[in-house]
Amino acid sequence: MQTGKYQAVTYDFWNTLIAETTNSLDRRRALWTKILFENNIEITQQQLDDAFAEGWNHFDTNWRNNIQSTLEGVVSAALTKLPSTIPLNIKDQLIDAYLEASESTPRSLLPDVKQTLKQLKEMNLRLAVICDVGTIPSSRLLLWREDLNVYEFFDYFGFSDEIGVYKPDSKIFNETLTGLGISDPSQSIHVGT
């Protein structure tokens, strides 16, 4: 295959390279319920569901307005829906549990991703990830790349929590292309959203 004028391919992270799963939400509910009950904070399933919905709404509203969210911000928003004020030490446990639920959920590459990346590298194309970071910091997402044995294929990672904007803001694309040494965006292809 001829690469023609293209020098780089950039990829979205979720549902382009990595299969997204909702299993972490079930794990998150279980961990939060355990922590809250161990600390004598009683909640109903509905209150917990409302809390997680509020956390998601916080992230989604920020994302739509191109305002970076943090895990602590999402958890803080979620806690506003619980029936009592949560002490700081318990909040810290809930933040850790939120992240642990995501990290302990099995993840996998989508079909043919590794083979495709290998072929693109054999064609001497530069590869990058452009990712809107949600509640999992990019430092953790990079570790996932290593776990899935695809880290070595990528020349640059453009994460929203490091660049400061979400897609489709041109800044995240331009900084990623600069990181790849590409000055003309027409020399690249983006796969995903």
N, C-alpha and C. Protein backbone atom coordinates (compact mmCIF):
# COMPACT_ATOMS: atom_id res chain seq x y z
N MET A 1 0.85 -1.19 0.00
CA MET A 1 0.00 0.00 0.00
C MET A 1 0.89 1.24 0.00
N GLN A 2 0.55 2.18 -0.83
CA GLN A 2 1.26 3.44 -0.89
C GLN A 2 0.70 4.39 0.16
N THR A 3 1.57 5.09 0.85
CA THR A 3 1.11 6.06 1.84
C THR A 3 0.90 7.42 1.21
N GLY A 4 1.39 7.61 -0.01
CA GLY A 4 1.18 8.87 -0.71
C GLY A 4 1.70 10.04 0.10
N LYS A 5 0.86 11.03 0.25
CA LYS A 5 1.26 12.25 0.95
C LYS A 5 1.17 12.13 2.47
N TYR A 6 0.67 11.02 2.97
CA TYR A 6 0.45 10.89 4.42
C TYR A 6 1.73 10.49 5.14
N GLN A 7 1.93 11.15 6.27
CA GLN A 7 3.09 10.85 7.11
C GLN A 7 2.69 10.33 8.48
N ALA A 8 1.42 10.51 8.84
CA ALA A 8 1.00 10.15 10.20
C ALA A 8 -0.46 9.72 10.23
N VAL A 9 -0.74 8.87 11.22
CA VAL A 9 -2.11 8.48 11.53
C VAL A 9 -2.31 8.70 13.02
N THR A 10 -3.38 9.42 13.36
CA THR A 10 -3.74 9.61 14.76
C THR A 10 -5.01 8.82 15.05
N TYR A 11 -5.10 8.34 16.27
CA TYR A 11 -6.23 7.50 16.69
C TYR A 11 -6.89 8.07 17.94
N ASP A 12 -8.20 7.96 17.96
CA ASP A 12 -8.93 8.14 19.20
C ASP A 12 -8.63 6.93 20.07
N PHE A 13 -8.88 7.05 21.36
CA PHE A 13 -8.58 5.97 22.31
C PHE A 13 -9.77 5.02 22.46
N TRP A 14 -10.87 5.55 23.00
CA TRP A 14 -12.03 4.72 23.34
C TRP A 14 -12.83 4.32 22.11
N ASN A 15 -13.11 3.05 22.01
CA ASN A 15 -13.92 2.47 20.94
C ASN A 15 -13.30 2.63 19.55
N THR A 16 -12.04 2.97 19.52
CA THR A 16 -11.27 2.97 18.27
C THR A 16 -10.09 2.02 18.43
N LEU A 17 -9.38 2.16 19.53
CA LEU A 17 -8.29 1.24 19.87
C LEU A 17 -8.70 0.28 20.99
N ILE A 18 -9.28 0.85 22.02
CA ILE A 18 -9.64 0.10 23.23
C ILE A 18 -11.15 -0.05 23.30
N ALA A 19 -11.60 -1.26 23.58
CA ALA A 19 -13.03 -1.51 23.75
C ALA A 19 -13.48 -0.92 25.08
N GLU A 20 -14.50 -0.08 25.02
CA GLU A 20 -15.03 0.53 26.24
C GLU A 20 -16.03 -0.43 26.86
N THR A 21 -16.04 -0.46 28.17
CA THR A 21 -16.95 -1.35 28.88
C THR A 21 -17.65 -0.60 29.99
N THR A 22 -18.85 -1.05 30.33
CA THR A 22 -19.58 -0.44 31.44
C THR A 22 -19.42 -1.24 32.73
N ASN A 23 -18.63 -2.30 32.69
CA ASN A 23 -18.45 -3.14 33.89
C ASN A 23 -17.87 -2.37 35.06
N SER A 24 -17.12 -1.32 34.78
CA SER A 24 -16.51 -0.56 35.88
C SER A 24 -17.57 0.14 36.72
N LEU A 25 -18.71 0.49 36.14
CA LEU A 25 -19.77 1.14 36.91
C LEU A 25 -20.32 0.19 37.98
N ASP A 26 -20.52 -1.07 37.63
CA ASP A 26 -20.99 -2.05 38.61
C ASP A 26 -19.97 -2.22 39.73
N ARG A 27 -18.70 -2.30 39.36
CA ARG A 27 -17.63 -2.44 40.36
C ARG A 27 -17.56 -1.19 41.24
N ARG A 28 -17.71 -0.03 40.63
CA ARG A 28 -17.68 1.24 41.37
C ARG A 28 -18.82 1.28 42.40
N ARG A 29 -20.02 0.88 41.99
CA ARG A 29 -21.16 0.85 42.91
C ARG A 29 -20.86 -0.05 44.11
N ALA A 30 -20.32 -1.23 43.83
CA ALA A 30 -20.03 -2.18 44.91
C ALA A 30 -18.98 -1.61 45.87
N LEU A 31 -17.92 -1.02 45.33
CA LEU A 31 -16.87 -0.47 46.18
C LEU A 31 -17.37 0.70 47.02
N TRP A 32 -18.12 1.60 46.41
CA TRP A 32 -18.65 2.75 47.15
C TRP A 32 -19.62 2.30 48.23
N THR A 33 -20.49 1.36 47.91
CA THR A 33 -21.44 0.86 48.91
C THR A 33 -20.69 0.29 50.10
N LYS A 34 -19.67 -0.50 49.84
CA LYS A 34 -18.88 -1.10 50.91
C LYS A 34 -18.22 -0.03 51.77
N ILE A 35 -17.58 0.94 51.14
CA ILE A 35 -16.90 2.01 51.89
C ILE A 35 -17.90 2.81 52.73
N LEU A 36 -19.01 3.18 52.14
CA LEU A 36 -19.99 3.99 52.87
C LEU A 36 -20.58 3.21 54.04
N PHE A 37 -20.96 1.97 53.82
CA PHE A 37 -21.53 1.18 54.91
C PHE A 37 -20.51 0.90 56.01
N GLU A 38 -19.25 0.66 55.64
CA GLU A 38 -18.21 0.45 56.65
C GLU A 38 -18.00 1.69 57.51
N ASN A 39 -18.37 2.83 56.99
CA ASN A 39 -18.24 4.09 57.73
C ASN A 39 -19.59 4.59 58.25
N ASN A 40 -20.54 3.66 58.35
CA ASN A 40 -21.87 3.94 58.92
C ASN A 40 -22.61 5.05 58.19
N ILE A 41 -22.42 5.12 56.89
CA ILE A 41 -23.18 6.06 56.06
C ILE A 41 -24.14 5.22 55.23
N GLU A 42 -25.41 5.33 55.56
CA GLU A 42 -26.41 4.52 54.87
C GLU A 42 -26.94 5.27 53.65
N ILE A 43 -27.03 4.53 52.56
CA ILE A 43 -27.56 5.09 51.32
C ILE A 43 -28.44 4.05 50.65
N THR A 44 -29.32 4.52 49.81
CA THR A 44 -30.13 3.61 49.01
C THR A 44 -29.47 3.43 47.64
N GLN A 45 -29.90 2.40 46.95
CA GLN A 45 -29.40 2.19 45.59
C GLN A 45 -29.73 3.39 44.71
N GLN A 46 -30.92 3.96 44.88
CA GLN A 46 -31.32 5.11 44.09
C GLN A 46 -30.42 6.32 44.36
N GLN A 47 -30.08 6.53 45.63
CA GLN A 47 -29.19 7.65 45.96
C GLN A 47 -27.81 7.45 45.32
N LEU A 48 -27.35 6.22 45.34
CA LEU A 48 -26.05 5.93 44.72
C LEU A 48 -26.13 6.13 43.21
N ASP A 49 -27.21 5.65 42.60
CA ASP A 49 -27.39 5.86 41.16
C ASP A 49 -27.45 7.34 40.82
N ASP A 50 -28.18 8.10 41.65
CA ASP A 50 -28.27 9.55 41.43
C ASP A 50 -26.90 10.22 41.57
N ALA A 51 -26.11 9.73 42.51
CA ALA A 51 -24.77 10.29 42.71
C ALA A 51 -23.89 10.05 41.48
N PHE A 52 -23.91 8.82 40.98
CA PHE A 52 -23.09 8.53 39.80
C PHE A 52 -23.60 9.30 38.58
N ALA A 53 -24.91 9.46 38.47
CA ALA A 53 -25.46 10.25 37.36
C ALA A 53 -25.00 11.70 37.46
N GLU A 54 -24.98 12.24 38.68
CA GLU A 54 -24.53 13.63 38.87
C GLU A 54 -23.04 13.77 38.52
N GLY A 55 -22.25 12.79 38.89
CA GLY A 55 -20.83 12.82 38.52
C GLY A 55 -20.65 12.81 37.01
N TRP A 56 -21.41 11.95 36.34
CA TRP A 56 -21.33 11.89 34.88
C TRP A 56 -21.81 13.20 34.26
N ASN A 57 -22.90 13.76 34.78
CA ASN A 57 -23.41 15.03 34.26
C ASN A 57 -22.37 16.14 34.40
N HIS A 58 -21.65 16.13 35.53
CA HIS A 58 -20.58 17.11 35.75
C HIS A 58 -19.53 16.99 34.64
N PHE A 59 -19.08 15.75 34.41
CA PHE A 59 -18.09 15.54 33.35
C PHE A 59 -18.65 15.94 31.99
N ASP A 60 -19.84 15.46 31.67
CA ASP A 60 -20.42 15.69 30.35
C ASP A 60 -20.63 17.18 30.07
N THR A 61 -21.11 17.92 31.07
CA THR A 61 -21.30 19.37 30.90
C THR A 61 -19.97 20.05 30.65
N ASN A 62 -18.96 19.69 31.44
CA ASN A 62 -17.63 20.26 31.23
C ASN A 62 -17.08 19.90 29.85
N TRP A 63 -17.25 18.65 29.46
CA TRP A 63 -16.74 18.20 28.17
C TRP A 63 -17.39 19.01 27.04
N ARG A 64 -18.70 19.18 27.11
CA ARG A 64 -19.41 19.93 26.07
C ARG A 64 -18.98 21.40 26.02
N ASN A 65 -18.51 21.92 27.15
CA ASN A 65 -18.05 23.31 27.22
C ASN A 65 -16.53 23.44 27.14
N ASN A 66 -15.86 22.31 26.82
CA ASN A 66 -14.40 22.27 26.68
C ASN A 66 -13.68 22.74 27.94
N ILE A 67 -14.21 22.30 29.08
CA ILE A 67 -13.59 22.56 30.39
C ILE A 67 -13.09 21.22 30.92
N GLN A 68 -11.83 21.15 31.25
CA GLN A 68 -11.26 19.89 31.72
C GLN A 68 -11.86 19.47 33.06
N SER A 69 -12.20 18.20 33.15
CA SER A 69 -12.70 17.61 34.39
C SER A 69 -11.58 16.81 35.04
N THR A 70 -11.69 16.66 36.34
CA THR A 70 -10.76 15.80 37.07
C THR A 70 -11.57 14.74 37.79
N LEU A 71 -10.90 13.68 38.18
CA LEU A 71 -11.55 12.64 38.95
C LEU A 71 -12.12 13.22 40.24
N GLU A 72 -11.35 14.05 40.92
CA GLU A 72 -11.82 14.66 42.17
C GLU A 72 -13.06 15.51 41.92
N GLY A 73 -13.10 16.24 40.82
CA GLY A 73 -14.27 17.06 40.51
C GLY A 73 -15.50 16.23 40.24
N VAL A 74 -15.33 15.12 39.53
CA VAL A 74 -16.45 14.23 39.24
C VAL A 74 -16.98 13.60 40.53
N VAL A 75 -16.07 13.14 41.38
CA VAL A 75 -16.48 12.55 42.65
C VAL A 75 -17.14 13.60 43.54
N SER A 76 -16.59 14.79 43.60
CA SER A 76 -17.19 15.86 44.41
C SER A 76 -18.61 16.15 43.95
N ALA A 77 -18.82 16.19 42.64
CA ALA A 77 -20.18 16.41 42.12
C ALA A 77 -21.10 15.26 42.52
N ALA A 78 -20.60 14.04 42.43
CA ALA A 78 -21.41 12.88 42.81
C ALA A 78 -21.81 12.94 44.27
N LEU A 79 -20.89 13.36 45.12
CA LEU A 79 -21.16 13.37 46.56
C LEU A 79 -22.25 14.35 46.94
N THR A 80 -22.53 15.33 46.09
CA THR A 80 -23.61 16.29 46.40
C THR A 80 -24.97 15.62 46.41
N LYS A 81 -25.07 14.44 45.84
CA LYS A 81 -26.35 13.73 45.79
C LYS A 81 -26.51 12.71 46.92
N LEU A 82 -25.51 12.59 47.76
CA LEU A 82 -25.63 11.68 48.90
C LEU A 82 -26.31 12.39 50.05
N PRO A 83 -26.98 11.64 50.93
CA PRO A 83 -27.82 12.26 51.96
C PRO A 83 -27.08 12.96 53.09
N SER A 84 -25.79 12.74 53.21
CA SER A 84 -25.05 13.41 54.29
C SER A 84 -23.69 13.86 53.76
N THR A 85 -23.09 14.78 54.49
CA THR A 85 -21.77 15.28 54.13
C THR A 85 -20.75 14.17 54.35
N ILE A 86 -19.89 13.99 53.39
CA ILE A 86 -18.89 12.92 53.45
C ILE A 86 -17.58 13.51 53.95
N PRO A 87 -17.04 12.95 55.05
CA PRO A 87 -15.74 13.43 55.56
C PRO A 87 -14.64 13.25 54.51
N LEU A 88 -13.63 14.11 54.60
CA LEU A 88 -12.55 14.13 53.62
C LEU A 88 -11.85 12.77 53.49
N ASN A 89 -11.60 12.10 54.61
CA ASN A 89 -10.90 10.82 54.54
C ASN A 89 -11.72 9.77 53.80
N ILE A 90 -13.04 9.83 53.93
CA ILE A 90 -13.90 8.90 53.20
C ILE A 90 -13.98 9.30 51.73
N LYS A 91 -14.02 10.60 51.48
CA LYS A 91 -14.00 11.07 50.09
C LYS A 91 -12.76 10.56 49.38
N ASP A 92 -11.62 10.62 50.04
CA ASP A 92 -10.38 10.11 49.44
C ASP A 92 -10.49 8.62 49.12
N GLN A 93 -11.12 7.86 50.01
CA GLN A 93 -11.33 6.44 49.75
C GLN A 93 -12.23 6.23 48.53
N LEU A 94 -13.26 7.07 48.41
CA LEU A 94 -14.19 6.95 47.29
C LEU A 94 -13.51 7.32 45.97
N ILE A 95 -12.63 8.31 46.00
CA ILE A 95 -11.86 8.67 44.80
C ILE A 95 -10.99 7.48 44.39
N ASP A 96 -10.29 6.90 45.35
CA ASP A 96 -9.44 5.75 45.05
C ASP A 96 -10.26 4.58 44.50
N ALA A 97 -11.43 4.36 45.09
CA ALA A 97 -12.30 3.26 44.65
C ALA A 97 -12.82 3.51 43.23
N TYR A 98 -13.13 4.75 42.93
CA TYR A 98 -13.63 5.11 41.60
C TYR A 98 -12.58 4.73 40.54
N LEU A 99 -11.34 5.11 40.82
CA LEU A 99 -10.26 4.81 39.89
C LEU A 99 -9.96 3.31 39.86
N GLU A 100 -9.95 2.69 41.02
CA GLU A 100 -9.66 1.26 41.10
C GLU A 100 -10.67 0.45 40.30
N ALA A 101 -11.94 0.87 40.34
CA ALA A 101 -12.97 0.16 39.58
C ALA A 101 -12.67 0.21 38.08
N SER A 102 -12.21 1.35 37.62
CA SER A 102 -11.86 1.46 36.20
C SER A 102 -10.62 0.63 35.87
N GLU A 103 -9.65 0.70 36.75
CA GLU A 103 -8.39 0.00 36.48
C GLU A 103 -8.53 -1.52 36.58
N SER A 104 -9.44 -2.00 37.41
CA SER A 104 -9.57 -3.44 37.58
C SER A 104 -10.53 -4.07 36.57
N THR A 105 -11.18 -3.25 35.78
CA THR A 105 -12.07 -3.78 34.75
C THR A 105 -11.23 -4.27 33.58
N PRO A 106 -11.44 -5.51 33.16
CA PRO A 106 -10.66 -6.02 32.03
C PRO A 106 -10.85 -5.15 30.79
N ARG A 107 -9.78 -4.92 30.08
CA ARG A 107 -9.86 -4.13 28.86
C ARG A 107 -9.14 -4.88 27.74
N SER A 108 -9.55 -4.57 26.55
CA SER A 108 -8.95 -5.26 25.41
C SER A 108 -8.91 -4.35 24.20
N LEU A 109 -8.00 -4.68 23.32
CA LEU A 109 -7.95 -3.98 22.04
C LEU A 109 -9.13 -4.42 21.19
N LEU A 110 -9.59 -3.54 20.35
CA LEU A 110 -10.61 -3.92 19.38
C LEU A 110 -9.97 -4.85 18.35
N PRO A 111 -10.78 -5.63 17.64
CA PRO A 111 -10.22 -6.59 16.67
C PRO A 111 -9.30 -5.92 15.65
N ASP A 112 -8.21 -6.58 15.35
CA ASP A 112 -7.25 -6.20 14.31
C ASP A 112 -6.45 -4.94 14.60
N VAL A 113 -6.60 -4.35 15.78
CA VAL A 113 -5.88 -3.11 16.08
C VAL A 113 -4.37 -3.33 16.06
N LYS A 114 -3.90 -4.33 16.77
CA LYS A 114 -2.45 -4.52 16.87
C LYS A 114 -1.83 -4.79 15.49
N GLN A 115 -2.47 -5.62 14.70
CA GLN A 115 -1.96 -5.92 13.37
C GLN A 115 -1.95 -4.67 12.49
N THR A 116 -3.00 -3.86 12.60
CA THR A 116 -3.06 -2.62 11.82
C THR A 116 -1.94 -1.67 12.21
N LEU A 117 -1.73 -1.50 13.52
CA LEU A 117 -0.66 -0.62 13.99
C LEU A 117 0.70 -1.11 13.49
N LYS A 118 0.90 -2.40 13.55
CA LYS A 118 2.16 -2.98 13.09
C LYS A 118 2.37 -2.68 11.60
N GLN A 119 1.33 -2.86 10.80
CA GLN A 119 1.45 -2.60 9.37
C GLN A 119 1.73 -1.13 9.08
N LEU A 120 1.06 -0.24 9.82
CA LEU A 120 1.29 1.19 9.62
C LEU A 120 2.73 1.57 9.97
N LYS A 121 3.27 1.00 11.05
CA LYS A 121 4.66 1.28 11.42
C LYS A 121 5.62 0.74 10.36
N GLU A 122 5.30 -0.41 9.79
CA GLU A 122 6.14 -0.98 8.72
C GLU A 122 6.14 -0.09 7.48
N MET A 123 5.10 0.74 7.34
CA MET A 123 5.01 1.69 6.23
C MET A 123 5.68 3.02 6.59
N ASN A 124 6.35 3.04 7.74
CA ASN A 124 7.07 4.23 8.22
C ASN A 124 6.17 5.42 8.50
N LEU A 125 4.95 5.15 8.89
CA LEU A 125 4.04 6.22 9.31
C LEU A 125 4.23 6.48 10.80
N ARG A 126 4.11 7.72 11.19
CA ARG A 126 4.15 8.07 12.61
C ARG A 126 2.74 7.94 13.17
N LEU A 127 2.65 7.41 14.38
CA LEU A 127 1.35 7.14 14.99
C LEU A 127 1.21 7.88 16.30
N ALA A 128 -0.02 8.34 16.55
CA ALA A 128 -0.30 9.05 17.80
C ALA A 128 -1.71 8.72 18.27
N VAL A 129 -1.92 8.97 19.54
CA VAL A 129 -3.24 8.89 20.15
C VAL A 129 -3.68 10.31 20.47
N ILE A 130 -4.94 10.61 20.15
CA ILE A 130 -5.57 11.86 20.57
C ILE A 130 -6.78 11.45 21.39
N CYS A 131 -6.74 11.75 22.68
CA CYS A 131 -7.75 11.20 23.59
C CYS A 131 -8.35 12.26 24.51
N ASP A 132 -9.68 12.29 24.55
CA ASP A 132 -10.39 13.06 25.56
C ASP A 132 -10.36 12.24 26.84
N VAL A 133 -9.68 12.76 27.84
CA VAL A 133 -9.56 12.06 29.12
C VAL A 133 -10.80 12.35 29.95
N GLY A 134 -11.37 11.29 30.51
CA GLY A 134 -12.53 11.44 31.39
C GLY A 134 -12.08 11.46 32.84
N THR A 135 -12.34 10.38 33.55
CA THR A 135 -11.99 10.32 34.96
C THR A 135 -10.70 9.55 35.21
N ILE A 136 -10.18 8.93 34.19
CA ILE A 136 -8.93 8.19 34.34
C ILE A 136 -7.80 9.06 33.79
N PRO A 137 -6.87 9.50 34.63
CA PRO A 137 -5.81 10.39 34.16
C PRO A 137 -4.95 9.73 33.08
N SER A 138 -4.39 10.55 32.22
CA SER A 138 -3.57 10.04 31.12
C SER A 138 -2.39 9.21 31.63
N SER A 139 -1.86 9.55 32.79
CA SER A 139 -0.74 8.77 33.33
C SER A 139 -1.14 7.30 33.51
N ARG A 140 -2.39 7.06 33.86
CA ARG A 140 -2.88 5.68 34.00
C ARG A 140 -3.18 5.06 32.64
N LEU A 141 -3.73 5.85 31.72
CA LEU A 141 -4.04 5.33 30.39
C LEU A 141 -2.77 4.88 29.67
N LEU A 142 -1.67 5.58 29.89
CA LEU A 142 -0.40 5.17 29.29
C LEU A 142 0.03 3.79 29.78
N LEU A 143 -0.22 3.51 31.04
CA LEU A 143 0.11 2.19 31.58
C LEU A 143 -0.72 1.11 30.90
N TRP A 144 -1.97 1.44 30.57
CA TRP A 144 -2.81 0.47 29.87
C TRP A 144 -2.21 0.12 28.52
N ARG A 145 -1.64 1.11 27.84
CA ARG A 145 -1.02 0.86 26.54
C ARG A 145 0.10 -0.18 26.70
N GLU A 146 0.84 -0.05 27.78
CA GLU A 146 1.92 -1.01 28.03
C GLU A 146 1.33 -2.39 28.31
N ASP A 147 0.27 -2.44 29.12
CA ASP A 147 -0.37 -3.72 29.45
C ASP A 147 -0.88 -4.44 28.20
N LEU A 148 -1.35 -3.67 27.23
CA LEU A 148 -1.93 -4.25 26.01
C LEU A 148 -0.90 -4.45 24.90
N ASN A 149 0.36 -4.17 25.22
CA ASN A 149 1.47 -4.40 24.30
C ASN A 149 1.35 -3.64 22.98
N VAL A 150 0.93 -2.39 23.06
CA VAL A 150 0.88 -1.55 21.85
C VAL A 150 1.62 -0.23 22.04
N TYR A 151 2.15 -0.01 23.22
CA TYR A 151 2.83 1.25 23.53
C TYR A 151 3.92 1.57 22.51
N GLU A 152 4.68 0.56 22.14
CA GLU A 152 5.84 0.77 21.27
C GLU A 152 5.46 1.24 19.86
N PHE A 153 4.21 1.10 19.47
CA PHE A 153 3.81 1.54 18.13
C PHE A 153 3.61 3.05 18.04
N PHE A 154 3.41 3.70 19.17
CA PHE A 154 3.03 5.11 19.16
C PHE A 154 4.22 6.03 19.37
N ASP A 155 4.22 7.10 18.60
CA ASP A 155 5.28 8.09 18.67
C ASP A 155 4.91 9.28 19.55
N TYR A 156 3.62 9.44 19.80
CA TYR A 156 3.17 10.59 20.60
C TYR A 156 1.78 10.30 21.15
N PHE A 157 1.53 10.88 22.33
CA PHE A 157 0.21 10.76 22.96
C PHE A 157 -0.31 12.16 23.27
N GLY A 158 -1.42 12.53 22.67
CA GLY A 158 -2.05 13.82 22.91
C GLY A 158 -3.27 13.65 23.79
N PHE A 159 -3.10 13.86 25.09
CA PHE A 159 -4.19 13.68 26.04
C PHE A 159 -4.76 15.02 26.45
N SER A 160 -6.08 15.10 26.53
CA SER A 160 -6.74 16.37 26.85
C SER A 160 -6.34 16.91 28.21
N ASP A 161 -6.08 16.04 29.18
CA ASP A 161 -5.72 16.55 30.51
C ASP A 161 -4.32 17.15 30.53
N GLU A 162 -3.50 16.87 29.54
CA GLU A 162 -2.18 17.47 29.43
C GLU A 162 -2.19 18.70 28.51
N ILE A 163 -2.99 18.64 27.45
CA ILE A 163 -3.03 19.74 26.47
C ILE A 163 -4.01 20.82 26.91
N GLY A 164 -5.03 20.44 27.66
CA GLY A 164 -5.94 21.44 28.23
C GLY A 164 -7.23 21.67 27.47
N VAL A 165 -7.46 20.92 26.40
CA VAL A 165 -8.71 21.05 25.64
C VAL A 165 -9.18 19.66 25.21
N TYR A 166 -10.48 19.58 24.92
CA TYR A 166 -11.06 18.36 24.37
C TYR A 166 -11.21 18.49 22.86
N LYS A 167 -11.34 17.35 22.19
CA LYS A 167 -11.71 17.35 20.78
C LYS A 167 -13.13 17.92 20.68
N PRO A 168 -13.48 18.65 19.68
CA PRO A 168 -12.75 18.84 18.43
C PRO A 168 -11.88 20.10 18.39
N ASP A 169 -11.54 20.67 19.54
CA ASP A 169 -10.70 21.86 19.55
C ASP A 169 -9.42 21.58 18.76
N SER A 170 -9.10 22.46 17.84
CA SER A 170 -7.94 22.24 16.97
C SER A 170 -6.62 22.17 17.74
N LYS A 171 -6.58 22.76 18.93
CA LYS A 171 -5.33 22.76 19.71
C LYS A 171 -4.84 21.34 19.99
N ILE A 172 -5.74 20.43 20.33
CA ILE A 172 -5.32 19.07 20.67
C ILE A 172 -4.77 18.35 19.44
N PHE A 173 -5.36 18.62 18.28
CA PHE A 173 -4.85 18.03 17.04
C PHE A 173 -3.51 18.65 16.65
N ASN A 174 -3.44 19.98 16.71
CA ASN A 174 -2.21 20.67 16.31
C ASN A 174 -1.03 20.32 17.20
N GLU A 175 -1.26 20.26 18.51
CA GLU A 175 -0.15 19.90 19.41
C GLU A 175 0.31 18.47 19.19
N THR A 176 -0.65 17.59 18.91
CA THR A 176 -0.27 16.20 18.65
C THR A 176 0.53 16.10 17.36
N LEU A 177 0.08 16.78 16.33
CA LEU A 177 0.84 16.76 15.07
C LEU A 177 2.22 17.38 15.25
N THR A 178 2.32 18.45 16.01
CA THR A 178 3.63 19.04 16.31
C THR A 178 4.51 18.02 17.02
N GLY A 179 3.92 17.29 17.96
CA GLY A 179 4.66 16.24 18.66
C GLY A 179 5.16 15.15 17.73
N LEU A 180 4.46 14.96 16.63
CA LEU A 180 4.88 13.98 15.62
C LEU A 180 5.85 14.57 14.60
N GLY A 181 6.04 15.90 14.65
CA GLY A 181 6.90 16.55 13.67
C GLY A 181 6.18 16.84 12.36
N ILE A 182 4.86 16.92 12.40
CA ILE A 182 4.05 17.19 11.21
C ILE A 182 3.56 18.63 11.28
N SER A 183 3.89 19.42 10.27
CA SER A 183 3.45 20.82 10.27
C SER A 183 2.20 21.04 9.43
N ASP A 184 1.92 20.14 8.51
CA ASP A 184 0.77 20.27 7.62
C ASP A 184 -0.26 19.19 7.97
N PRO A 185 -1.42 19.58 8.53
CA PRO A 185 -2.44 18.60 8.91
C PRO A 185 -2.90 17.71 7.76
N SER A 186 -2.79 18.18 6.52
CA SER A 186 -3.23 17.37 5.38
C SER A 186 -2.32 16.16 5.16
N GLN A 187 -1.21 16.10 5.88
CA GLN A 187 -0.30 14.95 5.79
C GLN A 187 -0.66 13.86 6.80
N SER A 188 -1.81 14.02 7.46
CA SER A 188 -2.21 13.05 8.48
C SER A 188 -3.66 12.62 8.28
N ILE A 189 -3.96 11.49 8.88
CA ILE A 189 -5.32 10.94 8.89
C ILE A 189 -5.68 10.71 10.34
N HIS A 190 -6.91 11.07 10.73
CA HIS A 190 -7.39 10.77 12.08
C HIS A 190 -8.45 9.68 12.00
N VAL A 191 -8.32 8.68 12.86
CA VAL A 191 -9.26 7.57 12.92
C VAL A 191 -10.02 7.66 14.23
N GLY A 192 -11.33 7.73 14.15
CA GLY A 192 -12.18 7.82 15.34
C GLY A 192 -12.84 9.17 15.42
N THR A 193 -13.33 9.48 16.61
CA THR A 193 -14.05 10.75 16.78
C THR A 193 -13.23 11.75 17.54
